[in-house]
Amino acid sequence: MNDIILDVRNMSTHFPVAEGTVKAVNQLSFTLSKNETLGIVGETGSGKSVAMKSVMGMIKSPGYITKESQILFKTKEFSKDGKKEFVDLAKLKQKDFTRIRGKHIGMVFQDPMSSLNPMFTIADQMIETIVFHQNVSIQEARERAIKLLDDVGIANPAERIDDYPFQFSGGQRQRVVIAIGLSCNPEILIADEPTTALDVTIQAQILELMKDLQKEYDMGMIYITHDLSVIAEVADKVIVMYGGTQMEMTDIYTLFEKPRHPYTHALLSCIPRHDIKVDLLNPIKGQPPVMLDPPPLCPFLPRCPYATDKCRKEWPELTEVEENHYIRCFNPISDTTPVHYDDVIDKKEAL
């Protein structure tokens, strides 16, 4: 996991509005290595999707990525000597970003129906991307598109490629969107809640498919979800986000066995346990923060049972509390009751 292909440093994304500024992402930092899967988990509105759209160069004006942000991607796309070097995507112009987006970094969006144009066949939508980025003929692009559809499990791909999106089931459409994301053999694939709209059986098939494709295509993957059981199944390491802020980052096993941030602990405590009988679930008290001009303090402060006077005065920096275990908190907790990794996997399989 030492071959780093993406290095994000202090990335913040803001959106000016009439009432002030919505600070959707604040000082996000992480690395992604070849063949590694990074999971980003958080509630709705935590900033996880905005963060990945920032990496993809998809933030539309008046939204912007702050000047101190760095999104370093290793590529030879702009190299004069043909060697791979880190390029800061946060500083790229949109005309240059078209050489990265789709070709080197692919993305699978949450809703396949909104990702696919109902007016065009699957062939039209796949071939266009391949021809644009790969400098091949239309016939060669069609052959590659058929192979991709076969790779993602679409039966009779040579015939189905000329069908329209409405002629596919929800699970099949999601497979098509994954195939489009893989169409140019990207080094990184970002999957934004690709199984949310699917039933549990199809969801399990898609997760297994994506793990197999990652090995076959030799790529890094970033998986965005609100579902901790999905994260437990696919991720090597995890970022927990809340209120646009990175609360904790560690490997998947440590997250479930030894969470150190109060928010992570509270989030895990919401999961029903197999070994403990309770009458009621344990939701987090209070409401998520408003992202409009938030104070420079921990966003979990109003809901945190461990908050102190220091929390009410200072912004906590991201700190390494153990090897490769980072949290943004002045009062890391150790008296945690772990939600075991195996328990979460068992819960997922039981569904």
Protein backbone atom coordinates (compact mmCIF):
# COMPACT_ATOMS: atom_id res chain seq x y z
CA MET A 1 0.00 0.00 0.00
CA ASN A 2 3.01 2.31 -0.34
CA ASP A 3 2.32 3.29 -3.95
CA ILE A 4 0.35 6.49 -3.27
CA ILE A 5 -1.62 7.72 -6.27
CA LEU A 6 -3.76 10.40 -4.57
CA ASP A 7 -2.70 12.73 -1.75
CA VAL A 8 -5.34 15.19 -0.55
CA ARG A 9 -4.16 17.89 1.86
CA ASN A 10 -6.31 20.37 3.80
CA MET A 11 -9.03 20.40 1.15
CA SER A 12 -11.94 22.75 1.84
CA THR A 13 -14.93 23.44 -0.41
CA HIS A 14 -17.23 26.42 0.15
CA PHE A 15 -20.42 27.73 -1.47
CA PRO A 16 -21.29 31.44 -1.19
CA VAL A 17 -25.03 32.08 -0.79
CA ALA A 18 -27.09 35.19 -0.08
CA GLU A 19 -27.03 34.56 3.69
CA GLY A 20 -23.29 33.83 3.95
CA THR A 21 -21.02 30.89 3.08
CA VAL A 22 -21.85 27.19 3.29
CA LYS A 23 -18.65 25.44 4.36
CA ALA A 24 -19.41 21.99 2.98
CA VAL A 25 -15.94 20.46 3.44
CA ASN A 26 -13.29 21.65 5.89
CA GLN A 27 -9.60 20.64 5.86
CA LEU A 28 -9.98 17.09 4.57
CA SER A 29 -6.70 15.15 4.31
CA PHE A 30 -6.02 11.57 3.19
CA THR A 31 -3.97 9.39 0.85
CA LEU A 32 -5.01 6.58 -1.46
CA SER A 33 -2.65 3.88 -2.67
CA LYS A 34 -2.86 1.57 -5.65
CA ASN A 35 -5.29 -1.33 -5.02
CA GLU A 36 -6.46 0.27 -1.75
CA THR A 37 -10.11 0.93 -0.88
CA LEU A 38 -10.88 4.04 1.16
CA GLY A 39 -14.32 4.26 2.72
CA ILE A 40 -15.88 7.63 3.52
CA VAL A 41 -18.82 7.33 5.89
CA GLY A 42 -21.13 9.97 7.30
CA GLU A 43 -24.70 11.13 7.70
CA THR A 44 -26.58 12.88 4.92
CA GLY A 45 -25.11 16.37 4.57
CA SER A 46 -21.75 15.47 6.12
CA GLY A 47 -19.86 16.59 3.01
CA LYS A 48 -18.68 13.24 1.69
CA SER A 49 -20.15 13.58 -1.81
CA VAL A 50 -19.04 17.22 -2.14
CA ALA A 51 -15.53 16.13 -1.17
CA MET A 52 -15.35 13.60 -3.99
CA LYS A 53 -16.89 15.99 -6.52
CA SER A 54 -14.10 18.37 -5.52
CA VAL A 55 -11.54 15.68 -6.36
CA MET A 56 -13.29 15.17 -9.71
CA GLY A 57 -13.27 18.90 -10.51
CA MET A 58 -17.07 19.04 -10.54
CA ILE A 59 -17.66 22.00 -8.22
CA LYS A 60 -19.61 24.60 -10.17
CA SER A 61 -19.34 28.35 -9.62
CA PRO A 62 -19.95 30.12 -7.31
CA GLY A 63 -18.72 27.13 -5.28
CA TYR A 64 -14.96 26.91 -4.97
CA ILE A 65 -12.06 24.94 -3.49
CA THR A 66 -10.01 27.13 -1.15
CA LYS A 67 -6.51 28.28 -2.12
CA GLU A 68 -4.70 26.28 0.57
CA SER A 69 -6.27 23.02 -0.66
CA GLN A 70 -4.10 20.47 -2.46
CA ILE A 71 -5.35 17.47 -4.46
CA LEU A 72 -2.19 15.73 -5.65
CA PHE A 73 -2.76 13.02 -8.26
CA LYS A 74 0.06 10.93 -9.69
CA THR A 75 -0.12 10.82 -13.47
CA LYS A 76 1.98 11.17 -16.61
CA GLU A 77 -0.81 13.00 -18.45
CA PHE A 78 1.01 16.36 -18.29
CA SER A 79 4.58 15.04 -18.06
CA LYS A 80 7.09 16.04 -20.74
CA ASP A 81 9.35 13.02 -20.18
CA GLY A 82 6.58 10.41 -19.89
CA LYS A 83 7.18 9.76 -16.20
CA LYS A 84 4.46 9.90 -13.58
CA GLU A 85 4.47 12.96 -11.35
CA PHE A 86 2.08 14.53 -8.87
CA VAL A 87 -0.23 17.17 -10.35
CA ASP A 88 -2.36 19.43 -8.13
CA LEU A 89 -5.90 18.94 -9.42
CA ALA A 90 -7.11 21.84 -7.26
CA LYS A 91 -5.15 24.20 -9.51
CA LEU A 92 -6.11 22.67 -12.87
CA LYS A 93 -8.20 24.59 -15.38
CA GLN A 94 -11.38 22.85 -16.52
CA LYS A 95 -10.04 22.32 -20.06
CA ASP A 96 -7.11 20.40 -18.58
CA PHE A 97 -9.32 18.49 -16.14
CA THR A 98 -11.08 16.80 -19.06
CA ARG A 99 -7.83 14.87 -19.56
CA ILE A 100 -8.16 13.46 -16.03
CA ARG A 101 -11.90 13.07 -15.39
CA GLY A 102 -13.23 9.82 -16.84
CA LYS A 103 -9.84 8.72 -18.17
CA HIS A 104 -7.76 8.50 -14.99
CA ILE A 105 -10.42 8.99 -12.30
CA GLY A 106 -13.83 7.44 -12.89
CA MET A 107 -16.98 7.94 -10.84
CA VAL A 108 -20.09 5.85 -10.22
CA PHE A 109 -22.99 8.02 -9.08
CA GLN A 110 -25.72 7.20 -6.58
CA ASP A 111 -28.73 7.10 -8.91
CA PRO A 112 -28.16 5.26 -12.21
CA MET A 113 -31.35 6.71 -13.74
CA SER A 114 -30.07 10.26 -13.35
CA SER A 115 -26.59 9.21 -14.55
CA LEU A 116 -27.85 7.70 -17.80
CA ASN A 117 -29.47 9.78 -20.53
CA PRO A 118 -32.85 8.16 -21.36
CA MET A 119 -32.72 9.56 -24.91
CA PHE A 120 -29.61 7.62 -25.94
CA THR A 121 -28.72 3.94 -26.10
CA ILE A 122 -26.10 2.45 -23.81
CA ALA A 123 -23.83 2.15 -26.85
CA ASP A 124 -24.06 5.88 -27.55
CA GLN A 125 -23.18 6.77 -23.96
CA MET A 126 -20.29 4.32 -23.57
CA ILE A 127 -18.68 4.71 -26.98
CA GLU A 128 -18.57 8.51 -26.73
CA THR A 129 -16.45 8.36 -23.56
CA ILE A 130 -14.07 5.72 -24.91
CA VAL A 131 -13.49 7.50 -28.24
CA PHE A 132 -12.92 10.86 -26.51
CA HIS A 133 -10.25 9.58 -24.12
CA GLN A 134 -8.68 6.56 -25.81
CA ASN A 135 -8.09 7.77 -29.38
CA VAL A 136 -9.62 4.65 -30.94
CA SER A 137 -12.12 4.04 -33.74
CA ILE A 138 -15.85 3.77 -33.11
CA GLN A 139 -15.71 0.03 -33.87
CA GLU A 140 -12.87 -0.52 -31.40
CA ALA A 141 -14.74 1.52 -28.79
CA ARG A 142 -17.87 -0.57 -29.35
CA GLU A 143 -15.93 -3.80 -28.87
CA ARG A 144 -14.46 -2.49 -25.62
CA ALA A 145 -17.90 -1.37 -24.43
CA ILE A 146 -19.31 -4.85 -25.09
CA LYS A 147 -16.45 -6.42 -23.12
CA LEU A 148 -17.07 -4.04 -20.22
CA LEU A 149 -20.76 -4.92 -20.13
CA ASP A 150 -19.78 -8.57 -20.07
CA ASP A 151 -17.28 -7.88 -17.25
CA VAL A 152 -19.99 -6.33 -15.08
CA GLY A 153 -22.37 -9.23 -15.64
CA ILE A 154 -24.79 -8.00 -18.32
CA ALA A 155 -26.09 -11.04 -20.23
CA ASN A 156 -25.94 -10.92 -24.06
CA PRO A 157 -23.91 -7.68 -24.04
CA ALA A 158 -23.54 -7.53 -27.84
CA GLU A 159 -27.33 -7.21 -28.10
CA ARG A 160 -28.12 -5.28 -24.94
CA ILE A 161 -25.62 -2.52 -25.76
CA ASP A 162 -28.14 -1.06 -28.23
CA ASP A 163 -30.94 -0.93 -25.65
CA TYR A 164 -32.08 2.20 -23.82
CA PRO A 165 -31.73 2.68 -20.03
CA PHE A 166 -35.45 2.05 -19.38
CA GLN A 167 -35.03 -1.47 -20.79
CA PHE A 168 -32.75 -2.44 -17.89
CA SER A 169 -33.67 -3.25 -14.29
CA GLY A 170 -32.33 -1.13 -11.43
CA GLY A 171 -29.50 -3.56 -10.70
CA GLN A 172 -28.62 -3.81 -14.40
CA ARG A 173 -28.54 -0.02 -14.76
CA GLN A 174 -26.13 0.17 -11.82
CA ARG A 175 -23.90 -2.38 -13.56
CA VAL A 176 -24.00 -0.28 -16.74
CA VAL A 177 -22.98 2.84 -14.79
CA ILE A 178 -20.07 0.89 -13.27
CA ALA A 179 -19.04 -0.21 -16.76
CA ILE A 180 -19.04 3.43 -17.92
CA GLY A 181 -16.90 4.37 -14.92
CA LEU A 182 -14.40 1.67 -15.93
CA SER A 183 -14.52 2.43 -19.65
CA CYS A 184 -11.08 4.04 -19.81
CA ASN A 185 -9.41 1.77 -17.24
CA PRO A 186 -8.97 4.51 -14.58
CA GLU A 187 -6.37 4.39 -11.81
CA ILE A 188 -9.07 5.46 -9.32
CA LEU A 189 -12.79 4.69 -9.21
CA ILE A 190 -15.01 6.77 -6.92
CA ALA A 191 -18.30 5.09 -6.01
CA ASP A 192 -20.91 7.41 -4.47
CA GLU A 193 -23.41 5.18 -2.64
CA PRO A 194 -23.79 2.88 -5.67
CA THR A 195 -26.04 0.40 -3.84
CA THR A 196 -28.41 2.74 -1.96
CA ALA A 197 -31.39 2.33 -4.30
CA LEU A 198 -31.00 -1.46 -4.62
CA ASP A 199 -32.50 -4.29 -2.60
CA VAL A 200 -30.21 -6.20 -0.24
CA THR A 201 -29.65 -9.19 -2.55
CA ILE A 202 -28.66 -7.04 -5.54
CA GLN A 203 -26.62 -4.81 -3.22
CA ALA A 204 -24.50 -7.78 -2.13
CA GLN A 205 -23.95 -8.76 -5.77
CA ILE A 206 -22.82 -5.24 -6.71
CA LEU A 207 -20.40 -5.05 -3.75
CA GLU A 208 -18.86 -8.39 -4.70
CA LEU A 209 -18.67 -7.31 -8.34
CA MET A 210 -16.83 -4.10 -7.46
CA LYS A 211 -14.29 -5.97 -5.33
CA ASP A 212 -13.62 -8.36 -8.20
CA LEU A 213 -13.32 -5.52 -10.72
CA GLN A 214 -10.89 -3.66 -8.48
CA LYS A 215 -8.53 -6.64 -8.59
CA GLU A 216 -9.01 -7.15 -12.32
CA TYR A 217 -8.46 -3.49 -13.24
CA ASP A 218 -5.72 -2.92 -10.63
CA MET A 219 -7.14 0.37 -9.32
CA GLY A 220 -7.63 2.32 -6.12
CA MET A 221 -11.21 2.85 -4.99
CA ILE A 222 -13.02 5.43 -2.86
CA TYR A 223 -16.36 4.25 -1.54
CA ILE A 224 -18.87 6.79 -0.19
CA THR A 225 -21.74 5.57 1.99
CA HIS A 226 -23.80 6.17 5.11
CA ASP A 227 -23.97 2.41 5.77
CA LEU A 228 -21.32 1.16 8.22
CA SER A 229 -21.99 -2.47 7.28
CA VAL A 230 -21.07 -1.69 3.66
CA ILE A 231 -17.87 0.03 4.82
CA ALA A 232 -17.01 -3.02 6.95
CA GLU A 233 -17.32 -5.23 3.89
CA VAL A 234 -15.38 -3.23 1.28
CA ALA A 235 -12.91 -0.79 2.89
CA ASP A 236 -9.28 -1.07 3.96
CA LYS A 237 -9.34 2.23 5.81
CA VAL A 238 -12.10 4.65 6.72
CA ILE A 239 -12.73 8.38 7.10
CA VAL A 240 -15.63 9.34 9.37
CA MET A 241 -17.12 12.72 8.42
CA TYR A 242 -19.52 14.95 10.31
CA GLY A 243 -20.58 18.50 9.55
CA GLY A 244 -18.16 18.74 6.63
CA THR A 245 -15.26 17.76 8.88
CA GLN A 246 -13.02 14.72 9.08
CA MET A 247 -13.59 13.33 12.59
CA GLU A 248 -11.53 10.15 12.47
CA MET A 249 -9.39 8.13 10.05
CA THR A 250 -7.99 4.66 10.63
CA ASP A 251 -8.03 1.10 9.29
CA ILE A 252 -11.34 -0.73 9.16
CA TYR A 253 -10.63 -3.10 12.06
CA THR A 254 -9.47 -0.37 14.44
CA LEU A 255 -12.53 1.73 13.65
CA PHE A 256 -14.88 -0.94 14.95
CA GLU A 257 -12.69 -2.32 17.72
CA LYS A 258 -11.22 0.90 19.13
CA PRO A 259 -12.93 4.12 17.98
CA ARG A 260 -11.40 7.17 19.66
CA HIS A 261 -13.58 10.08 18.54
CA PRO A 262 -16.81 10.70 20.52
CA TYR A 263 -18.82 11.00 17.30
CA THR A 264 -17.51 7.70 15.90
CA HIS A 265 -18.30 6.00 19.18
CA ALA A 266 -21.81 7.47 19.20
CA LEU A 267 -22.34 6.44 15.58
CA LEU A 268 -21.26 2.86 16.25
CA SER A 269 -23.43 2.74 19.37
CA CYS A 270 -26.47 3.21 17.12
CA ILE A 271 -25.86 -0.22 15.57
CA PRO A 272 -27.90 -3.03 17.18
CA ARG A 273 -25.65 -5.66 18.82
CA HIS A 274 -26.10 -9.42 18.48
CA ASP A 275 -24.73 -10.13 21.94
CA ILE A 276 -26.62 -7.46 23.92
CA LYS A 277 -30.41 -7.39 24.32
CA VAL A 278 -31.88 -3.89 24.41
CA ASP A 279 -35.44 -2.61 24.27
CA LEU A 280 -34.65 0.64 22.42
CA LEU A 281 -32.05 1.80 19.93
CA ASN A 282 -29.48 4.37 21.01
CA PRO A 283 -29.70 7.38 18.64
CA ILE A 284 -27.40 10.39 18.92
CA LYS A 285 -29.20 13.16 20.79
CA GLY A 286 -29.54 16.57 19.14
CA GLN A 287 -29.50 17.74 15.53
CA PRO A 288 -26.79 17.83 12.82
CA PRO A 289 -25.04 21.21 12.49
CA VAL A 290 -26.03 24.00 10.14
CA MET A 291 -23.21 24.45 7.62
CA LEU A 292 -23.91 28.14 6.95
CA ASP A 293 -21.01 30.14 8.43
CA PRO A 294 -20.31 27.65 11.25
CA PRO A 295 -18.06 28.84 14.10
CA PRO A 296 -14.39 27.66 13.96
CA LEU A 297 -15.08 24.91 16.49
CA CYS A 298 -15.70 21.17 16.40
CA PRO A 299 -19.07 20.64 14.64
CA PHE A 300 -19.96 17.86 17.09
CA LEU A 301 -19.54 20.20 20.09
CA PRO A 302 -23.28 20.81 20.81
CA ARG A 303 -23.97 17.04 20.92
CA CYS A 304 -20.74 15.81 22.52
CA PRO A 305 -20.85 14.44 26.10
CA TYR A 306 -17.06 14.78 26.38
CA ALA A 307 -16.86 18.50 25.49
CA THR A 308 -14.74 20.78 27.70
CA ASP A 309 -14.07 24.51 27.88
CA LYS A 310 -11.17 24.08 25.45
CA CYS A 311 -13.59 22.64 22.88
CA ARG A 312 -15.65 25.84 23.13
CA LYS A 313 -12.64 28.05 22.37
CA GLU A 314 -10.38 26.28 19.86
CA TRP A 315 -10.51 24.34 16.60
CA PRO A 316 -9.02 20.83 17.01
CA GLU A 317 -6.34 19.85 14.51
CA LEU A 318 -6.17 16.37 12.98
CA THR A 319 -3.84 14.46 15.32
CA GLU A 320 -2.26 11.00 15.16
CA VAL A 321 -3.19 9.28 18.45
CA GLU A 322 -1.73 5.91 17.44
CA GLU A 323 0.11 4.71 14.36
CA ASN A 324 -2.06 5.52 11.30
CA HIS A 325 -4.97 6.45 13.56
CA TYR A 326 -6.00 10.11 13.30
CA ILE A 327 -8.74 12.04 15.08
CA ARG A 328 -9.82 15.67 15.32
CA CYS A 329 -10.56 15.93 19.04
CA PHE A 330 -9.09 17.34 22.27
CA ASN A 331 -10.59 14.53 24.34
CA PRO A 332 -10.07 11.16 22.65
CA ILE A 333 -11.92 8.41 24.46
CA SER A 334 -10.57 5.00 25.42
CA ASP A 335 -13.37 3.52 27.53
CA THR A 336 -15.23 2.34 24.43
CA THR A 337 -17.47 -0.67 24.06
CA PRO A 338 -16.41 -1.93 20.63
CA VAL A 339 -18.83 -2.87 17.90
CA HIS A 340 -16.85 -5.78 16.56
CA TYR A 341 -16.04 -5.90 12.86
CA ASP A 342 -17.29 -9.49 12.61
CA ASP A 343 -20.59 -8.52 14.25
CA VAL A 344 -21.20 -5.88 11.59
CA ILE A 345 -20.40 -8.33 8.79
CA ASP A 346 -22.71 -10.93 10.39
CA LYS A 347 -25.48 -8.31 10.56
CA LYS A 348 -24.98 -7.51 6.88
CA GLU A 349 -25.13 -11.17 5.87
CA ALA A 350 -28.19 -11.76 8.06
CA LEU A 351 -30.10 -9.18 6.03
